[in-house]
Amino acid sequence: MPVPQFTGLGFIFIIVLAVYFISSAIRILKEYERGVVFRLGRLIPLKGPGLVLIWPVIDRLVKVSLRTVTMDVPPQDVITRDNITVKVNAVVYFRPLDPVKAITEVEDFYYATSQIAQTTLRSILGQSQLDDLLSKRDELNAELQKVIDFQTEPWGVKVSTVEVKNVDLPVEMQRAIAKQAEAERERRAKIIHAEGEFQASQKLADAAGVIASEPIALQLRYLQTLTEIAAEKNSTIIFPVPVDFLKIFMENKKQA
């Protein structure tokens, strides 16, 4: 029986074909990666991490990263419950917990999660008023995370955090909020000034009560005032005369 003879070109072709099959059969998955393998279209057990061997041609491997993905939600036009149009964008942190569901239950779980985040952002924020949108950010973030995570759970995707980044207001609304803040500051200033006047009047009333009960206290205050005036080195000095000092002359006049 004659032995087949391989020419140089045929030998090189066989070597190239063998290298191709070996390179196609060997896959290396990182620690944070998993491999979903379909053999002739049917799902087989999950592969990875590390060295993974598959059958070329009949097996198809899809890599899935288990790391947390940071996704920016594009700015959305939101009409609040008090009929104010604002632009809101957010950021979503999620990761696939079940690689098999992430591949088999939805065509592209990245795109699907992005669309769910956009629609949920418009829906949830549209149910709140503008003041709540600006002041109750933490509560809205928690509600967004709960709703989005509930919708992505069948896909094996876990949404850990949703944060509203920016709320862009119309120019007219910015001016109105600035006027409101200025009016609030003026109100607080007036209240503080009124409280100061009230406390000062109370202290003056207490001092008047002490002076009325002790007549000598008025004389001491008179002498203290003279000392303070003399210390100023003024060319003209006005001496305040207590009313009690004049009572003596008035009584003498009456008796005369």
Protein backbone atom coordinates (compact mmCIF):
# COMPACT_ATOMS: atom_id res chain seq x y z
CA MET A 1 0.00 0.00 0.00
CA PRO A 2 1.54 3.29 -1.02
CA VAL A 3 2.20 5.83 1.77
CA PRO A 4 0.78 9.31 1.02
CA GLN A 5 3.49 11.84 0.47
CA PHE A 6 2.99 15.42 1.77
CA THR A 7 4.52 18.24 -0.07
CA GLY A 8 6.01 21.22 1.74
CA LEU A 9 2.90 23.34 1.09
CA GLY A 10 0.56 20.65 2.37
CA PHE A 11 2.62 20.17 5.53
CA ILE A 12 2.53 23.87 6.27
CA PHE A 13 -1.26 23.87 5.76
CA ILE A 14 -1.70 21.03 8.25
CA ILE A 15 0.46 22.82 10.83
CA VAL A 16 -1.50 26.07 10.41
CA LEU A 17 -4.78 24.19 10.72
CA ALA A 18 -3.62 22.42 13.90
CA VAL A 19 -2.45 25.70 15.46
CA TYR A 20 -5.80 27.30 14.63
CA PHE A 21 -7.78 24.49 16.25
CA ILE A 22 -5.60 24.50 19.36
CA SER A 23 -5.79 28.30 19.76
CA SER A 24 -9.56 28.16 19.27
CA ALA A 25 -9.94 25.40 21.85
CA ILE A 26 -7.94 27.11 24.61
CA ARG A 27 -9.43 30.12 26.39
CA ILE A 28 -8.20 31.88 29.52
CA LEU A 29 -10.76 33.66 31.68
CA LYS A 30 -9.76 36.19 34.34
CA GLU A 31 -10.85 35.95 37.94
CA TYR A 32 -13.77 38.34 37.38
CA GLU A 33 -14.92 36.65 34.14
CA ARG A 34 -17.20 33.71 33.48
CA GLY A 35 -17.82 31.86 30.25
CA VAL A 36 -21.30 30.92 29.03
CA VAL A 37 -20.81 28.10 26.51
CA PHE A 38 -23.32 26.97 23.89
CA ARG A 39 -22.61 23.54 22.33
CA LEU A 40 -24.52 23.15 19.09
CA GLY A 41 -26.89 25.80 20.41
CA ARG A 42 -27.53 24.12 23.76
CA LEU A 43 -26.33 25.58 27.06
CA ILE A 44 -23.71 23.64 29.01
CA PRO A 45 -22.44 24.32 32.57
CA LEU A 46 -20.69 27.64 33.26
CA LYS A 47 -16.95 27.83 32.64
CA GLY A 48 -14.14 29.74 34.37
CA PRO A 49 -12.17 31.34 35.74
CA GLY A 50 -8.80 30.07 34.54
CA LEU A 51 -8.02 27.73 31.66
CA VAL A 52 -11.08 26.67 29.66
CA LEU A 53 -11.13 24.09 26.85
CA ILE A 54 -13.87 24.14 24.25
CA TRP A 55 -14.52 22.32 21.00
CA PRO A 56 -13.86 24.54 18.01
CA VAL A 57 -16.70 25.03 15.52
CA ILE A 58 -19.32 23.26 17.67
CA ASP A 59 -18.86 25.41 20.83
CA ARG A 60 -19.44 29.14 21.22
CA LEU A 61 -18.17 30.91 24.35
CA VAL A 62 -19.54 34.24 25.57
CA LYS A 63 -17.53 36.09 28.21
CA VAL A 64 -19.39 37.90 30.98
CA SER A 65 -17.64 40.30 33.36
CA LEU A 66 -18.83 40.20 36.97
CA ARG A 67 -17.38 43.61 37.86
CA THR A 68 -19.59 46.57 38.74
CA VAL A 69 -20.47 48.68 35.72
CA THR A 70 -20.81 52.48 35.97
CA MET A 71 -23.41 53.72 33.49
CA ASP A 72 -24.27 57.35 32.83
CA VAL A 73 -27.94 57.96 32.15
CA PRO A 74 -28.29 60.69 29.48
CA PRO A 75 -30.14 63.90 30.49
CA GLN A 76 -33.89 63.35 30.52
CA ASP A 77 -36.65 65.94 30.20
CA VAL A 78 -38.82 65.51 33.29
CA ILE A 79 -42.11 67.31 33.99
CA THR A 80 -42.60 67.44 37.75
CA ARG A 81 -45.95 67.17 39.47
CA ASP A 82 -46.16 70.97 39.76
CA ASN A 83 -45.71 71.29 35.94
CA ILE A 84 -42.07 72.43 35.85
CA THR A 85 -39.82 71.07 33.11
CA VAL A 86 -36.29 70.18 34.21
CA LYS A 87 -33.39 68.22 32.74
CA VAL A 88 -32.10 65.44 35.00
CA ASN A 89 -29.24 62.99 34.52
CA ALA A 90 -28.09 60.19 36.77
CA VAL A 91 -25.52 57.43 37.19
CA VAL A 92 -26.33 53.74 37.73
CA TYR A 93 -24.05 51.12 39.31
CA PHE A 94 -24.93 47.51 38.49
CA ARG A 95 -23.31 44.09 38.01
CA PRO A 96 -24.50 40.73 36.63
CA LEU A 97 -24.93 38.19 39.42
CA ASP A 98 -26.12 35.34 37.18
CA PRO A 99 -24.16 35.26 33.88
CA VAL A 100 -26.43 32.60 32.40
CA LYS A 101 -29.58 34.69 32.86
CA ALA A 102 -27.78 37.84 31.69
CA ILE A 103 -27.05 36.13 28.35
CA THR A 104 -30.13 33.94 27.85
CA GLU A 105 -32.95 36.10 29.30
CA VAL A 106 -32.18 39.35 27.45
CA GLU A 107 -30.38 40.13 24.20
CA ASP A 108 -28.10 42.89 25.56
CA PHE A 109 -28.35 43.43 29.30
CA TYR A 110 -26.19 46.62 29.14
CA TYR A 111 -28.56 48.30 26.69
CA ALA A 112 -31.66 46.95 28.42
CA THR A 113 -30.52 48.26 31.82
CA SER A 114 -29.81 51.66 30.29
CA GLN A 115 -33.30 51.89 28.77
CA ILE A 116 -34.97 50.79 32.01
CA ALA A 117 -32.99 53.41 33.93
CA GLN A 118 -34.06 56.20 31.55
CA THR A 119 -37.77 55.36 31.62
CA THR A 120 -37.78 54.84 35.38
CA LEU A 121 -35.99 58.16 35.91
CA ARG A 122 -38.69 60.05 34.01
CA SER A 123 -41.49 58.13 35.72
CA ILE A 124 -40.37 58.41 39.35
CA LEU A 125 -39.13 62.00 39.22
CA GLY A 126 -42.26 63.07 37.33
CA GLN A 127 -44.34 62.06 40.36
CA SER A 128 -42.49 64.40 42.73
CA GLN A 129 -42.57 68.16 43.13
CA LEU A 130 -39.63 70.42 42.39
CA ASP A 131 -38.94 71.14 46.06
CA ASP A 132 -38.78 67.40 46.79
CA LEU A 133 -36.50 66.89 43.80
CA LEU A 134 -34.05 69.44 45.19
CA SER A 135 -34.25 68.64 48.90
CA LYS A 136 -35.15 64.92 49.15
CA ARG A 137 -32.46 63.56 46.84
CA ASP A 138 -31.59 60.56 49.04
CA GLU A 139 -35.17 59.32 49.18
CA LEU A 140 -35.57 59.60 45.41
CA ASN A 141 -32.27 57.75 44.84
CA ALA A 142 -33.41 54.89 47.06
CA GLU A 143 -36.75 54.64 45.26
CA LEU A 144 -35.06 54.67 41.83
CA GLN A 145 -32.67 51.90 42.91
CA LYS A 146 -35.53 49.78 44.23
CA VAL A 147 -37.66 50.08 41.08
CA ILE A 148 -34.82 49.54 38.58
CA ASP A 149 -33.43 46.59 40.53
CA PHE A 150 -36.87 44.95 40.63
CA GLN A 151 -37.13 45.17 36.83
CA THR A 152 -33.60 43.87 36.12
CA GLU A 153 -33.74 41.01 38.64
CA PRO A 154 -35.18 38.47 36.11
CA TRP A 155 -32.09 39.12 33.94
CA GLY A 156 -29.68 38.24 36.75
CA VAL A 157 -28.55 41.88 37.03
CA LYS A 158 -28.20 43.55 40.43
CA VAL A 159 -28.55 47.35 40.59
CA SER A 160 -26.69 48.48 43.70
CA THR A 161 -26.85 52.29 43.53
CA VAL A 162 -28.63 55.01 41.57
CA GLU A 163 -27.56 58.63 42.04
CA VAL A 164 -29.22 61.71 40.54
CA LYS A 165 -26.29 63.90 39.41
CA ASN A 166 -27.58 67.22 38.07
CA VAL A 167 -30.94 68.98 37.96
CA ASP A 168 -30.93 71.76 35.34
CA LEU A 169 -33.64 74.35 36.00
CA PRO A 170 -35.00 76.95 33.54
CA VAL A 171 -33.56 80.45 33.89
CA GLU A 172 -36.88 81.86 35.11
CA MET A 173 -37.09 79.22 37.83
CA GLN A 174 -33.52 79.91 38.92
CA ARG A 175 -34.38 83.59 39.38
CA ALA A 176 -37.51 82.72 41.35
CA ILE A 177 -35.56 80.40 43.64
CA ALA A 178 -32.89 83.07 44.15
CA LYS A 179 -35.56 85.63 45.14
CA GLN A 180 -37.15 83.13 47.48
CA ALA A 181 -33.79 82.42 49.14
CA GLU A 182 -33.11 86.16 49.50
CA ALA A 183 -36.52 86.74 51.07
CA GLU A 184 -35.92 83.88 53.48
CA ARG A 185 -32.58 85.36 54.54
CA GLU A 186 -34.20 88.78 55.11
CA ARG A 187 -36.94 87.17 57.20
CA ARG A 188 -34.39 85.41 59.38
CA ALA A 189 -32.37 88.63 59.79
CA LYS A 190 -35.47 90.53 60.92
CA ILE A 191 -36.40 87.80 63.38
CA ILE A 192 -32.90 87.79 64.86
CA HIS A 193 -32.93 91.62 65.12
CA ALA A 194 -36.33 91.57 66.83
CA GLU A 195 -35.17 88.92 69.29
CA GLY A 196 -32.13 91.07 70.08
CA GLU A 197 -34.32 94.14 70.73
CA PHE A 198 -36.61 92.12 72.96
CA GLN A 199 -33.73 90.78 75.04
CA ALA A 200 -32.22 94.29 75.30
CA SER A 201 -35.55 95.71 76.49
CA GLN A 202 -35.79 93.00 79.12
CA LYS A 203 -32.32 93.85 80.40
CA LEU A 204 -33.18 97.59 80.50
CA ALA A 205 -36.36 96.83 82.43
CA ASP A 206 -34.37 94.78 84.93
CA ALA A 207 -31.83 97.60 85.30
CA ALA A 208 -34.62 100.16 85.81
CA GLY A 209 -36.08 97.96 88.53
CA VAL A 210 -32.74 97.79 90.33
CA ILE A 211 -32.23 101.58 90.12
CA ALA A 212 -35.77 102.23 91.34
CA SER A 213 -35.29 100.00 94.36
CA GLU A 214 -31.85 101.49 95.18
CA PRO A 215 -31.74 105.33 94.69
CA ILE A 216 -28.01 105.39 95.39
CA ALA A 217 -27.47 103.28 92.26
CA LEU A 218 -28.60 106.24 90.14
CA GLN A 219 -25.96 108.44 91.76
CA LEU A 220 -23.28 105.84 91.06
CA ARG A 221 -24.36 105.64 87.45
CA TYR A 222 -24.21 109.44 87.24
CA LEU A 223 -20.63 109.49 88.52
CA GLN A 224 -19.63 106.70 86.11
CA THR A 225 -21.08 108.68 83.20
CA LEU A 226 -19.07 111.75 84.20
CA THR A 227 -15.90 109.65 84.31
CA GLU A 228 -16.56 108.29 80.82
CA ILE A 229 -17.21 111.78 79.42
CA ALA A 230 -14.04 113.21 80.98
CA ALA A 231 -11.95 110.44 79.45
CA GLU A 232 -12.94 111.51 75.90
CA LYS A 233 -11.00 114.84 76.19
CA ASN A 234 -13.78 116.91 74.67
CA SER A 235 -13.73 120.71 74.67
CA THR A 236 -17.37 120.87 75.76
CA ILE A 237 -18.76 118.65 78.52
CA ILE A 238 -22.46 118.33 79.19
CA PHE A 239 -23.31 117.23 82.72
CA PRO A 240 -26.49 115.23 82.91
CA VAL A 241 -28.53 116.25 85.97
CA PRO A 242 -30.61 113.50 87.55
CA VAL A 243 -34.28 114.21 88.04
CA ASP A 244 -34.04 113.26 91.70
CA PHE A 245 -31.46 116.01 92.20
CA LEU A 246 -33.99 118.64 91.07
CA LYS A 247 -36.73 117.36 93.36
CA ILE A 248 -35.04 119.04 96.36
CA PHE A 249 -35.33 122.52 94.80
CA MET A 250 -38.88 121.88 93.67
CA GLU A 251 -39.96 120.83 97.14
CA ASN A 252 -38.30 123.91 98.71
CA LYS A 253 -40.09 126.16 96.25
CA LYS A 254 -43.40 124.61 97.12
CA GLN A 255 -42.79 125.06 100.83
CA ALA A 256 -41.82 128.73 100.29
